[in-house]
Amino acid sequence: MDLVSQYGPALLRGFGITVICWILGTIFGMALGLVIALIQRYAPRPVRWLIQIYIEVIRGTPFLVQLFVLYYGGPLIGLRLDALPAGLLGLTIYGSPYFAEIFRSGFRAVAHGQIEAARAIGMTEPTIIRRILLPLGLVSALPALVNFSIILTKETVILSIITVPELMYQVSRMSAETFRYVEANLVLALFFWALVETISRLGRRLEARITQHLIERT
């Protein structure tokens, strides 16, 4: 209890920053991934090749390396970011190729006949994307989107390396000051278990509501 009273507020602040980093990193990474998936589907072949190179480079290198290059190498090209913005940008860049591939697989699950039927009745491509491709593709992609969002929560611990004061940073400080490594890491595990369990339940509920909405529309 003495550890709770002494370090509880700092751990809660760190957990709050972890949740904020995860939410913003997921939203921005998902948005960028959606743009990349649409570019892969509709852009000319040279542009698709460039996008594929970006995807392979980001997926083929560790997040820690990417974060170091962004935070410590950015000033060499005039990009000077504080720790928190650099962490959010790093999560966005790291997550976007994975989200793009998830969206791409979701789009491919949409029956081609539905898209051809929409074109036959005069729908424009933006309307097809908004009313057919995105809703139906999202249903297929949602479990994978939730799963990678959970993975992204665990990647937030790496942000402590560049001094983002998130949960891992606070736990490391607690361990260094008290030498109570087991208790500190148990607290870390419990916080992340609670966050992952919440995300999983919200994802299942969202999937059920989207599926029910599509059934009612048909």
Protein backbone atom coordinates (compact mmCIF):
# COMPACT_ATOMS: atom_id res chain seq x y z
CA MET A 1 0.00 0.00 0.00
CA ASP A 2 2.91 2.36 0.57
CA LEU A 3 3.91 1.89 -3.07
CA VAL A 4 0.34 2.59 -4.20
CA SER A 5 0.13 5.78 -2.19
CA GLN A 6 3.55 6.96 -3.33
CA TYR A 7 3.50 6.05 -7.00
CA GLY A 8 -0.22 5.64 -7.73
CA PRO A 9 -0.78 9.18 -9.10
CA ALA A 10 2.29 8.95 -11.35
CA LEU A 11 1.22 5.53 -12.63
CA LEU A 12 -2.28 6.82 -13.40
CA ARG A 13 -0.83 9.81 -15.26
CA GLY A 14 1.42 7.46 -17.22
CA PHE A 15 -1.52 5.19 -18.01
CA GLY A 16 -3.51 8.20 -19.22
CA ILE A 17 -0.69 9.20 -21.57
CA THR A 18 -0.46 5.59 -22.78
CA VAL A 19 -4.17 5.57 -23.60
CA ILE A 20 -3.92 8.94 -25.38
CA CYS A 21 -0.92 7.75 -27.42
CA TRP A 22 -2.72 4.56 -28.34
CA ILE A 23 -5.98 6.32 -29.33
CA LEU A 24 -4.31 9.01 -31.43
CA GLY A 25 -1.76 6.61 -32.92
CA THR A 26 -4.55 4.20 -33.88
CA ILE A 27 -6.79 6.89 -35.36
CA PHE A 28 -4.02 8.55 -37.38
CA GLY A 29 -2.49 5.21 -38.40
CA MET A 30 -5.88 3.89 -39.47
CA ALA A 31 -6.65 7.05 -41.46
CA LEU A 32 -3.28 6.94 -43.21
CA GLY A 33 -3.67 3.22 -43.81
CA LEU A 34 -7.07 3.79 -45.42
CA VAL A 35 -5.58 6.41 -47.73
CA ILE A 36 -2.75 4.04 -48.64
CA ALA A 37 -5.21 1.20 -49.34
CA LEU A 38 -7.28 3.43 -51.63
CA ILE A 39 -4.15 4.61 -53.44
CA GLN A 40 -3.13 0.99 -53.95
CA ARG A 41 -6.55 0.28 -55.44
CA TYR A 42 -6.98 3.29 -57.72
CA ALA A 43 -3.58 4.91 -58.37
CA PRO A 44 -1.42 4.28 -61.45
CA ARG A 45 1.06 1.44 -61.28
CA PRO A 46 4.21 3.58 -60.58
CA VAL A 47 2.49 5.14 -57.57
CA ARG A 48 1.42 1.71 -56.34
CA TRP A 49 5.04 0.54 -56.58
CA LEU A 50 6.20 3.46 -54.43
CA ILE A 51 3.49 2.74 -51.88
CA GLN A 52 4.47 -0.94 -51.81
CA ILE A 53 8.10 0.01 -51.15
CA TYR A 54 6.95 2.16 -48.22
CA ILE A 55 4.88 -0.72 -46.84
CA GLU A 56 7.72 -3.23 -47.10
CA VAL A 57 10.28 -0.89 -45.54
CA ILE A 58 8.09 -0.04 -42.55
CA ARG A 59 6.92 -3.63 -42.00
CA GLY A 60 10.47 -4.95 -42.41
CA THR A 61 12.12 -2.77 -39.76
CA PRO A 62 11.58 -2.76 -35.97
CA PHE A 63 9.49 0.02 -34.44
CA LEU A 64 12.37 0.90 -32.09
CA VAL A 65 14.68 1.57 -35.04
CA GLN A 66 12.04 3.70 -36.75
CA LEU A 67 11.50 5.70 -33.57
CA PHE A 68 15.23 6.30 -33.11
CA VAL A 69 15.61 7.45 -36.72
CA LEU A 70 12.61 9.78 -36.38
CA TYR A 71 13.52 11.28 -33.00
CA TYR A 72 17.32 11.41 -33.16
CA GLY A 73 17.80 11.54 -36.91
CA GLY A 74 14.99 14.00 -37.65
CA PRO A 75 17.04 17.10 -36.69
CA LEU A 76 19.53 16.21 -39.43
CA ILE A 77 16.82 17.05 -42.00
CA GLY A 78 15.25 19.87 -40.02
CA LEU A 79 12.56 17.80 -38.29
CA ARG A 80 12.78 18.65 -34.59
CA LEU A 81 10.00 17.12 -32.52
CA ASP A 82 9.42 16.82 -28.81
CA ALA A 83 9.17 13.32 -27.40
CA LEU A 84 5.36 13.05 -27.39
CA PRO A 85 4.75 14.32 -30.96
CA ALA A 86 7.60 12.14 -32.18
CA GLY A 87 6.04 9.14 -30.46
CA LEU A 88 2.63 9.81 -31.99
CA LEU A 89 4.13 10.28 -35.45
CA GLY A 90 6.14 7.09 -34.98
CA LEU A 91 3.05 5.08 -34.03
CA THR A 92 1.18 6.53 -37.02
CA ILE A 93 3.93 5.62 -39.47
CA TYR A 94 4.47 2.20 -37.94
CA GLY A 95 0.78 1.27 -37.91
CA SER A 96 -0.25 2.65 -41.30
CA PRO A 97 1.14 -0.19 -43.52
CA TYR A 98 -0.52 -2.86 -41.36
CA PHE A 99 -3.83 -1.02 -41.38
CA ALA A 100 -3.46 -0.53 -45.15
CA GLU A 101 -3.05 -4.25 -45.73
CA ILE A 102 -6.05 -4.98 -43.49
CA PHE A 103 -8.20 -2.50 -45.43
CA ARG A 104 -6.94 -3.92 -48.73
CA SER A 105 -7.95 -7.45 -47.75
CA GLY A 106 -11.34 -6.12 -46.60
CA PHE A 107 -11.88 -4.40 -49.94
CA ARG A 108 -11.03 -7.60 -51.80
CA ALA A 109 -13.68 -9.44 -49.80
CA VAL A 110 -16.40 -7.22 -51.31
CA ALA A 111 -18.10 -9.05 -54.17
CA HIS A 112 -17.00 -7.61 -57.51
CA GLY A 113 -20.53 -7.99 -58.84
CA GLN A 114 -21.82 -5.43 -56.34
CA ILE A 115 -19.32 -2.87 -57.52
CA GLU A 116 -20.09 -3.58 -61.18
CA ALA A 117 -23.82 -3.24 -60.45
CA ALA A 118 -23.21 0.13 -58.79
CA ARG A 119 -21.27 1.33 -61.83
CA ALA A 120 -24.02 0.06 -64.11
CA ILE A 121 -26.63 2.26 -62.43
CA GLY A 122 -24.37 5.30 -62.70
CA MET A 123 -22.74 5.57 -59.29
CA THR A 124 -19.49 7.51 -59.23
CA GLU A 125 -16.36 5.98 -57.74
CA PRO A 126 -16.44 8.21 -54.60
CA THR A 127 -20.05 7.12 -54.01
CA ILE A 128 -19.14 3.48 -54.52
CA ILE A 129 -16.30 3.83 -52.01
CA ARG A 130 -18.54 5.56 -49.46
CA ARG A 131 -21.66 3.42 -49.80
CA ILE A 132 -20.38 -0.03 -50.82
CA LEU A 133 -16.64 -0.53 -50.51
CA LEU A 134 -16.12 0.99 -47.06
CA PRO A 135 -19.19 -0.42 -45.25
CA LEU A 136 -18.85 -3.96 -46.59
CA GLY A 137 -15.07 -4.00 -46.43
CA LEU A 138 -15.15 -2.75 -42.85
CA VAL A 139 -17.25 -5.71 -41.73
CA SER A 140 -14.65 -8.14 -43.07
CA ALA A 141 -11.70 -6.11 -41.81
CA LEU A 142 -13.00 -5.20 -38.35
CA PRO A 143 -11.65 -8.25 -36.41
CA ALA A 144 -8.19 -7.71 -37.88
CA LEU A 145 -8.39 -3.95 -37.19
CA VAL A 146 -9.23 -4.61 -33.55
CA ASN A 147 -6.49 -7.20 -33.28
CA PHE A 148 -3.81 -4.88 -34.62
CA SER A 149 -5.10 -2.05 -32.43
CA ILE A 150 -4.43 -4.33 -29.46
CA ILE A 151 -0.92 -5.00 -30.76
CA LEU A 152 -0.39 -1.26 -31.07
CA THR A 153 -1.20 -0.76 -27.38
CA LYS A 154 1.78 -2.92 -26.47
CA GLU A 155 4.07 -0.99 -28.81
CA THR A 156 3.45 2.16 -26.77
CA VAL A 157 5.90 0.90 -24.14
CA ILE A 158 8.73 1.60 -26.62
CA LEU A 159 7.91 5.31 -26.41
CA SER A 160 9.54 5.35 -22.97
CA ILE A 161 12.90 5.00 -24.75
CA ILE A 162 12.58 8.58 -26.02
CA THR A 163 11.33 9.79 -22.60
CA VAL A 164 7.60 9.93 -23.33
CA PRO A 165 6.21 9.82 -19.74
CA GLU A 166 3.79 6.97 -20.42
CA LEU A 167 3.14 3.96 -18.19
CA MET A 168 6.35 2.06 -18.94
CA TYR A 169 8.40 5.17 -18.20
CA GLN A 170 6.70 5.57 -14.81
CA VAL A 171 7.05 1.87 -14.00
CA SER A 172 10.77 1.97 -14.86
CA ARG A 173 11.23 4.96 -12.57
CA MET A 174 9.35 3.18 -9.79
CA SER A 175 11.53 0.09 -10.22
CA ALA A 176 14.76 2.09 -10.20
CA GLU A 177 13.81 3.98 -7.04
CA THR A 178 12.40 1.08 -5.00
CA PHE A 179 14.11 -2.01 -6.47
CA ARG A 180 10.67 -3.67 -6.39
CA TYR A 181 10.81 -5.03 -9.93
CA VAL A 182 8.21 -7.77 -9.53
CA GLU A 183 5.55 -5.46 -8.10
CA ALA A 184 6.26 -2.75 -10.67
CA ASN A 185 5.99 -5.07 -13.66
CA LEU A 186 2.90 -6.72 -12.18
CA VAL A 187 1.25 -3.31 -12.10
CA LEU A 188 2.29 -2.77 -15.73
CA ALA A 189 0.79 -6.12 -16.74
CA LEU A 190 -2.48 -5.42 -14.93
CA PHE A 191 -2.90 -2.01 -16.54
CA PHE A 192 -2.32 -3.40 -20.02
CA TRP A 193 -4.56 -6.40 -19.38
CA ALA A 194 -7.39 -4.04 -18.42
CA LEU A 195 -6.81 -1.91 -21.53
CA VAL A 196 -6.66 -4.89 -23.90
CA GLU A 197 -9.76 -6.45 -22.37
CA THR A 198 -11.66 -3.18 -22.81
CA ILE A 199 -10.60 -2.87 -26.44
CA SER A 200 -11.61 -6.47 -27.16
CA ARG A 201 -15.07 -6.01 -25.66
CA LEU A 202 -15.62 -2.73 -27.52
CA GLY A 203 -14.48 -4.36 -30.77
CA ARG A 204 -16.91 -7.26 -30.41
CA ARG A 205 -19.75 -4.89 -29.59
CA LEU A 206 -18.92 -2.67 -32.57
CA GLU A 207 -18.75 -5.67 -34.90
CA ALA A 208 -22.18 -6.86 -33.72
CA ARG A 209 -23.73 -3.42 -34.19
CA ILE A 210 -22.30 -2.94 -37.69
CA THR A 211 -23.44 -6.39 -38.74
CA GLN A 212 -26.94 -5.75 -37.37
CA HIS A 213 -27.08 -2.39 -39.14
CA LEU A 214 -26.20 -3.99 -42.49
CA ILE A 215 -28.81 -6.70 -41.95
CA GLU A 216 -31.48 -4.08 -41.26
CA ARG A 217 -30.50 -2.13 -44.39
CA THR A 218 -30.87 -5.21 -46.56
